[in-house]
N, C-alpha and C. Protein backbone atom coordinates (compact mmCIF):
# COMPACT_ATOMS: atom_id res chain seq x y z
N MET A 1 0.81 -1.23 -0.14
CA MET A 1 0.09 0.12 0.01
C MET A 1 0.93 1.36 -0.07
N ASN A 2 1.58 1.47 0.84
CA ASN A 2 2.77 2.47 0.95
C ASN A 2 3.77 2.38 0.07
N ARG A 3 3.64 2.26 -1.12
CA ARG A 3 4.80 1.96 -2.10
C ARG A 3 5.05 3.42 -2.70
N ILE A 4 6.26 3.46 -3.41
CA ILE A 4 6.53 4.43 -4.38
C ILE A 4 5.83 4.05 -5.84
N CYS A 5 5.18 5.16 -6.02
CA CYS A 5 4.23 4.83 -7.14
C CYS A 5 4.66 5.91 -8.32
N TYR A 6 5.87 6.50 -8.36
CA TYR A 6 6.25 7.76 -9.24
C TYR A 6 7.71 8.13 -8.76
N PHE A 7 8.47 8.50 -9.64
CA PHE A 7 9.73 8.97 -9.08
C PHE A 7 10.22 10.00 -10.20
N GLU A 8 10.98 10.98 -9.74
CA GLU A 8 11.54 12.13 -10.65
C GLU A 8 13.01 12.46 -10.46
N ILE A 9 13.69 12.10 -11.55
CA ILE A 9 15.24 12.44 -11.66
C ILE A 9 15.67 13.61 -12.27
N GLN A 10 16.38 14.57 -11.56
CA GLN A 10 16.86 15.87 -12.09
C GLN A 10 18.03 15.78 -12.47
N SER A 11 18.14 16.49 -13.68
CA SER A 11 19.46 16.64 -14.49
C SER A 11 19.84 17.70 -15.33
N SER A 12 21.19 18.29 -15.27
CA SER A 12 21.38 19.38 -15.99
C SER A 12 21.53 19.28 -17.27
N LEU A 13 21.69 17.92 -17.77
CA LEU A 13 21.75 17.47 -19.39
C LEU A 13 20.82 16.34 -19.56
N PRO A 14 19.12 16.82 -19.45
CA PRO A 14 18.42 15.36 -19.60
C PRO A 14 18.72 14.44 -20.72
N GLU A 15 19.26 14.92 -21.74
CA GLU A 15 19.25 13.89 -22.92
C GLU A 15 20.58 13.02 -22.55
N ARG A 16 21.21 13.27 -21.61
CA ARG A 16 22.49 12.24 -21.17
C ARG A 16 22.02 11.36 -20.46
N GLU A 17 21.32 11.89 -19.48
CA GLU A 17 20.50 10.88 -18.46
C GLU A 17 19.54 9.90 -19.26
N VAL A 18 18.92 10.45 -20.28
CA VAL A 18 18.07 9.50 -21.14
C VAL A 18 18.75 8.49 -21.70
N ALA A 19 19.75 8.72 -22.37
CA ALA A 19 20.68 7.81 -22.89
C ALA A 19 21.24 6.81 -21.79
N PHE A 20 21.55 7.09 -20.69
CA PHE A 20 22.32 6.39 -19.65
C PHE A 20 21.20 5.46 -19.20
N TYR A 21 19.98 5.89 -18.64
CA TYR A 21 18.82 5.02 -18.42
C TYR A 21 18.20 3.91 -19.35
N GLN A 22 18.41 4.44 -20.30
CA GLN A 22 18.01 3.39 -21.44
C GLN A 22 18.84 2.40 -21.87
N ALA A 23 20.31 2.75 -21.57
CA ALA A 23 21.49 1.82 -21.85
C ALA A 23 21.38 0.77 -21.02
N VAL A 24 21.49 1.37 -19.58
CA VAL A 24 21.53 0.52 -18.50
C VAL A 24 20.26 -0.54 -18.23
N PHE A 25 19.11 0.47 -18.30
CA PHE A 25 17.90 -0.54 -17.53
C PHE A 25 16.65 -0.63 -18.74
N GLY A 26 17.05 -0.29 -20.03
CA GLY A 26 16.07 -0.35 -21.03
C GLY A 26 14.73 0.44 -20.91
N TRP A 27 14.68 1.49 -19.88
CA TRP A 27 13.77 2.34 -19.62
C TRP A 27 13.27 3.01 -21.05
N THR A 28 11.87 3.51 -21.09
CA THR A 28 11.78 4.26 -22.52
C THR A 28 11.14 5.60 -21.94
N PHE A 29 11.48 6.60 -22.86
CA PHE A 29 11.04 7.91 -22.34
C PHE A 29 10.55 8.55 -23.42
N GLU A 30 9.46 9.43 -22.99
CA GLU A 30 8.64 9.97 -23.94
C GLU A 30 8.62 11.77 -23.54
N PRO A 31 9.24 12.34 -24.33
CA PRO A 31 9.22 13.90 -24.28
C PRO A 31 7.66 14.57 -24.10
N VAL A 32 7.93 15.22 -23.16
CA VAL A 32 6.29 15.95 -23.10
C VAL A 32 6.51 17.56 -23.42
N ALA A 33 5.73 17.96 -24.36
CA ALA A 33 5.72 19.32 -25.01
C ALA A 33 5.25 20.07 -24.22
N ASP A 34 5.59 21.65 -24.62
CA ASP A 34 4.21 22.50 -23.77
C ASP A 34 4.80 22.93 -22.37
N LEU A 35 6.29 22.36 -21.99
CA LEU A 35 6.52 22.89 -20.72
C LEU A 35 7.48 23.78 -20.36
N PRO A 36 7.77 24.54 -19.53
CA PRO A 36 8.90 25.55 -19.50
C PRO A 36 10.36 24.98 -19.46
N ILE A 37 10.37 23.57 -19.22
CA ILE A 37 11.54 22.93 -19.10
C ILE A 37 11.74 21.66 -19.52
N ALA A 38 12.68 21.13 -20.11
CA ALA A 38 12.41 19.71 -20.52
C ALA A 38 12.04 18.81 -19.64
N TYR A 39 11.24 17.77 -20.08
CA TYR A 39 10.74 16.79 -18.97
C TYR A 39 10.22 15.58 -19.98
N TYR A 40 10.50 14.47 -19.45
CA TYR A 40 10.60 13.24 -20.06
C TYR A 40 9.60 12.31 -19.31
N ARG A 41 8.83 11.65 -19.94
CA ARG A 41 7.71 10.57 -18.76
C ARG A 41 8.66 9.24 -18.98
N ILE A 42 8.90 8.83 -17.82
CA ILE A 42 9.64 7.42 -18.08
C ILE A 42 8.80 6.04 -17.90
N SER A 43 8.85 5.09 -18.80
CA SER A 43 8.01 4.08 -18.59
C SER A 43 9.07 2.86 -18.15
N THR A 44 8.76 2.23 -17.20
CA THR A 44 9.86 1.11 -16.55
C THR A 44 8.57 -0.37 -16.37
N PRO A 45 9.14 -1.55 -16.31
CA PRO A 45 8.32 -2.45 -16.03
C PRO A 45 7.50 -2.51 -14.71
N GLY A 46 8.08 -1.77 -13.77
CA GLY A 46 7.33 -1.35 -12.46
C GLY A 46 6.87 0.09 -12.65
N ILE A 47 7.13 0.65 -11.57
CA ILE A 47 6.65 2.12 -11.50
C ILE A 47 6.95 3.14 -12.48
N HIS A 48 6.38 4.14 -12.73
CA HIS A 48 6.56 5.21 -13.55
C HIS A 48 7.24 6.42 -13.08
N GLY A 49 7.89 7.18 -13.74
CA GLY A 49 8.44 8.64 -13.47
C GLY A 49 8.60 9.39 -14.43
N GLY A 50 9.25 10.25 -14.00
CA GLY A 50 9.62 11.66 -14.95
C GLY A 50 11.15 11.73 -14.81
N LEU A 51 11.78 12.54 -15.80
CA LEU A 51 12.99 12.98 -16.04
C LEU A 51 12.86 14.35 -16.35
N LEU A 52 13.44 15.50 -15.52
CA LEU A 52 13.33 16.85 -15.87
C LEU A 52 14.72 17.52 -15.77
N GLU A 53 14.43 18.75 -16.33
CA GLU A 53 16.10 19.72 -16.40
C GLU A 53 15.75 20.19 -14.98
N ARG A 54 16.83 20.05 -14.47
CA ARG A 54 17.43 20.38 -13.02
C ARG A 54 17.05 22.24 -12.96
N PRO A 55 16.20 22.69 -12.02
CA PRO A 55 15.78 23.94 -11.88
C PRO A 55 16.46 24.58 -11.19
N ALA A 56 17.70 23.99 -10.67
CA ALA A 56 18.72 24.85 -9.83
C ALA A 56 20.08 24.33 -10.21
N ALA A 57 21.15 25.04 -9.58
CA ALA A 57 22.61 24.27 -9.83
C ALA A 57 22.71 22.87 -9.35
N THR A 58 23.28 22.04 -9.95
CA THR A 58 24.22 20.84 -9.47
C THR A 58 24.66 20.90 -8.16
N PRO A 59 23.93 20.29 -6.89
CA PRO A 59 24.75 20.22 -5.72
C PRO A 59 26.04 19.50 -5.83
N PRO A 60 26.95 20.14 -4.94
CA PRO A 60 28.28 19.39 -5.12
C PRO A 60 28.39 17.99 -4.43
N THR A 61 29.34 17.08 -4.90
CA THR A 61 29.51 15.79 -4.50
C THR A 61 29.77 15.80 -3.11
N HIS A 62 29.73 14.67 -2.15
CA HIS A 62 30.06 14.29 -0.94
C HIS A 62 29.45 15.52 0.11
N CYS A 63 28.14 15.65 -0.36
CA CYS A 63 27.52 16.35 0.66
C CYS A 63 26.26 16.10 1.18
N GLY A 64 26.14 14.36 0.93
CA GLY A 64 25.10 13.73 1.08
C GLY A 64 24.16 13.80 -0.32
N THR A 65 22.95 12.88 -0.33
CA THR A 65 22.34 12.94 -1.47
C THR A 65 21.71 14.18 -1.76
N ASN A 66 21.49 14.37 -3.29
CA ASN A 66 21.22 15.62 -3.59
C ASN A 66 19.74 15.39 -4.53
N ALA A 67 19.05 14.25 -4.33
CA ALA A 67 17.74 14.03 -4.89
C ALA A 67 17.22 12.75 -3.98
N PHE A 68 15.91 12.34 -4.28
CA PHE A 68 15.52 11.44 -3.67
C PHE A 68 15.99 10.09 -4.32
N THR A 69 16.67 9.02 -3.46
CA THR A 69 17.15 8.09 -4.17
C THR A 69 16.48 7.13 -4.23
N CYS A 70 16.33 6.20 -5.29
CA CYS A 70 15.57 5.20 -5.25
C CYS A 70 16.45 4.13 -5.62
N SER A 71 16.03 2.76 -5.46
CA SER A 71 16.88 1.35 -5.91
C SER A 71 16.10 0.90 -6.90
N VAL A 72 16.81 0.37 -7.93
CA VAL A 72 16.25 -0.57 -9.19
C VAL A 72 16.28 -1.88 -8.77
N GLU A 73 15.46 -2.81 -8.98
CA GLU A 73 15.52 -4.08 -8.73
C GLU A 73 16.31 -4.89 -9.94
N VAL A 74 17.28 -5.34 -9.99
CA VAL A 74 17.66 -6.07 -11.20
C VAL A 74 17.95 -7.30 -11.14
N ALA A 75 17.90 -8.21 -12.18
CA ALA A 75 18.23 -9.74 -12.04
C ALA A 75 19.65 -10.05 -12.02
N ASP A 76 20.54 -9.35 -12.29
CA ASP A 76 22.12 -9.62 -12.09
C ASP A 76 22.76 -8.55 -11.44
N PHE A 77 23.06 -8.37 -10.36
CA PHE A 77 23.83 -7.02 -9.76
C PHE A 77 25.03 -6.83 -10.69
N ASP A 78 25.75 -7.95 -10.69
CA ASP A 78 27.20 -7.58 -11.26
C ASP A 78 27.18 -7.27 -12.82
N ALA A 79 26.20 -7.56 -13.54
CA ALA A 79 26.23 -7.22 -14.85
C ALA A 79 25.61 -5.79 -15.08
N THR A 80 24.61 -5.86 -14.19
CA THR A 80 24.24 -4.27 -14.24
C THR A 80 25.17 -3.22 -13.94
N ALA A 81 25.98 -3.72 -12.86
CA ALA A 81 27.00 -2.41 -12.21
C ALA A 81 28.18 -2.45 -13.29
N ALA A 82 28.40 -3.47 -14.04
CA ALA A 82 29.39 -3.28 -15.32
C ALA A 82 28.75 -2.44 -16.37
N LEU A 83 27.34 -2.45 -16.44
CA LEU A 83 26.78 -1.43 -17.65
C LEU A 83 26.84 -0.12 -17.22
N ILE A 84 26.40 0.16 -15.84
CA ILE A 84 26.48 1.51 -14.91
C ILE A 84 27.95 2.00 -15.35
N LEU A 85 28.77 1.20 -14.88
CA LEU A 85 30.41 1.69 -15.18
C LEU A 85 30.98 2.23 -16.37
N ALA A 86 30.31 1.34 -17.48
CA ALA A 86 30.57 1.21 -18.79
C ALA A 86 30.00 2.42 -19.36
N HIS A 87 28.89 2.96 -18.94
CA HIS A 87 28.24 4.16 -19.38
C HIS A 87 28.39 5.37 -18.65
N GLY A 88 29.57 5.52 -17.75
CA GLY A 88 29.95 6.63 -17.13
C GLY A 88 29.60 6.89 -15.62
N GLY A 89 28.79 5.83 -15.14
CA GLY A 89 28.64 5.90 -13.68
C GLY A 89 29.67 5.58 -12.89
N GLN A 90 29.52 5.94 -11.34
CA GLN A 90 30.68 5.65 -10.59
C GLN A 90 30.02 4.95 -9.47
N VAL A 91 30.81 4.10 -8.80
CA VAL A 91 30.55 3.43 -7.36
C VAL A 91 30.31 4.43 -6.25
N ALA A 92 29.09 4.54 -5.73
CA ALA A 92 29.07 5.45 -4.45
C ALA A 92 28.93 4.65 -3.19
N MET A 93 28.66 3.16 -3.22
CA MET A 93 28.87 2.42 -2.20
C MET A 93 29.09 0.93 -2.80
N PRO A 94 30.17 0.47 -2.44
CA PRO A 94 30.08 -0.83 -3.25
C PRO A 94 29.09 -1.95 -2.71
N LYS A 95 28.98 -3.15 -3.70
CA LYS A 95 27.93 -4.23 -3.55
C LYS A 95 28.17 -4.58 -1.84
N PHE A 96 27.30 -4.93 -1.25
CA PHE A 96 27.19 -5.50 0.07
C PHE A 96 25.82 -6.24 0.04
N ALA A 97 25.82 -7.27 1.13
CA ALA A 97 24.89 -8.16 1.48
C ALA A 97 23.75 -7.62 2.31
N ILE A 98 22.59 -7.66 2.14
CA ILE A 98 21.61 -7.99 3.12
C ILE A 98 21.16 -9.08 3.53
N PRO A 99 21.75 -9.78 4.64
CA PRO A 99 21.97 -11.34 4.61
C PRO A 99 20.21 -11.58 4.38
N GLN A 100 20.40 -12.80 3.52
CA GLN A 100 19.30 -13.80 3.40
C GLN A 100 18.15 -12.90 2.49
N GLN A 101 18.53 -11.78 2.16
CA GLN A 101 17.52 -10.66 1.30
C GLN A 101 18.00 -10.47 0.00
N CYS A 102 19.35 -9.81 -0.17
CA CYS A 102 19.32 -9.09 -1.37
C CYS A 102 20.89 -8.75 -1.26
N TRP A 103 21.51 -8.33 -2.95
CA TRP A 103 22.74 -7.65 -2.93
C TRP A 103 22.31 -6.39 -3.01
N GLN A 104 22.84 -5.31 -2.60
CA GLN A 104 22.60 -3.97 -2.99
C GLN A 104 23.87 -2.97 -3.06
N GLY A 105 23.67 -2.00 -3.44
CA GLY A 105 24.85 -1.09 -3.86
C GLY A 105 24.45 0.21 -4.54
N TYR A 106 25.18 1.25 -4.37
CA TYR A 106 24.70 2.24 -4.90
C TYR A 106 25.77 2.85 -5.75
N PHE A 107 25.15 3.89 -6.75
CA PHE A 107 25.97 4.34 -7.73
C PHE A 107 25.61 5.79 -8.01
N ILE A 108 26.38 6.60 -8.79
CA ILE A 108 26.26 7.81 -9.00
C ILE A 108 26.42 8.00 -10.34
N HIS A 109 25.39 9.00 -11.10
CA HIS A 109 25.64 9.04 -12.65
C HIS A 109 26.26 10.37 -13.04
N ALA A 110 26.36 10.61 -14.11
CA ALA A 110 27.36 11.77 -14.64
C ALA A 110 26.86 12.97 -13.81
N ASP A 111 25.45 13.13 -13.71
CA ASP A 111 25.01 14.58 -12.82
C ASP A 111 25.04 14.47 -11.37
N ASN A 112 25.69 13.43 -10.61
CA ASN A 112 25.84 13.60 -9.43
C ASN A 112 24.78 13.00 -8.57
N ASN A 113 23.85 12.18 -9.25
CA ASN A 113 22.87 11.98 -8.52
C ASN A 113 22.84 10.31 -8.04
N THR A 114 22.48 10.02 -6.96
CA THR A 114 22.80 8.57 -6.37
C THR A 114 21.53 7.91 -6.57
N PHE A 115 21.75 6.66 -6.73
CA PHE A 115 20.73 5.45 -7.25
C PHE A 115 21.17 4.26 -6.82
N GLY A 116 20.36 3.25 -6.34
CA GLY A 116 20.52 2.02 -5.93
C GLY A 116 20.15 1.00 -6.81
N ILE A 117 21.11 -0.24 -6.90
CA ILE A 117 20.55 -1.46 -7.44
C ILE A 117 20.41 -2.67 -6.40
N VAL A 118 19.64 -3.29 -6.60
CA VAL A 118 19.31 -4.50 -5.64
C VAL A 118 19.03 -6.01 -6.52
N GLU A 119 19.46 -6.89 -5.98
CA GLU A 119 19.32 -8.02 -6.74
C GLU A 119 18.74 -8.84 -5.44
N PRO A 120 17.50 -9.19 -5.77
CA PRO A 120 17.00 -10.39 -4.64
C PRO A 120 17.45 -11.61 -4.36
N ASN A 121 18.07 -12.05 -3.18
CA ASN A 121 18.82 -13.17 -3.53
C ASN A 121 18.96 -13.71 -2.09
N PRO A 122 18.03 -14.82 -1.63
CA PRO A 122 18.02 -15.45 -0.35
C PRO A 122 19.48 -16.08 0.28
N ASN A 123 20.18 -16.11 -0.46
CA ASN A 123 21.46 -16.64 -0.45
C ASN A 123 22.45 -15.59 -0.04
N ALA A 124 21.96 -14.06 -0.20
CA ALA A 124 23.28 -13.35 0.04
C ALA A 124 23.69 -13.25 1.34
N GLY A 125 24.91 -12.94 1.73
CA GLY A 125 25.45 -12.63 2.80
C GLY A 125 26.42 -13.96 3.09
């Protein structure tokens, strides 16, 4: 009942992040016309969201999260992590086990937003 039902990602270069998330997760993006800023609707196999042009300066790194951080469920943590790194992402917190639940880790994309990936795995840990 109390689940995330929509998310938004801010970016100073929206087209760059569109390409990043398409390449890494296969999400689809639909531009929304007639708005004062660039905005894309995001379709995923789960919840849907939006990607918008950042309305303010990009916060500096190492000051905590600069946006709402969501974690994306993936089938293969290591393969997805490799894709993230290959497309310009960085490790924010390396892969770790939540015992008997999942593998979790956090990354930063080119605009310094933090996001997580999680691979459910009852044998983690």
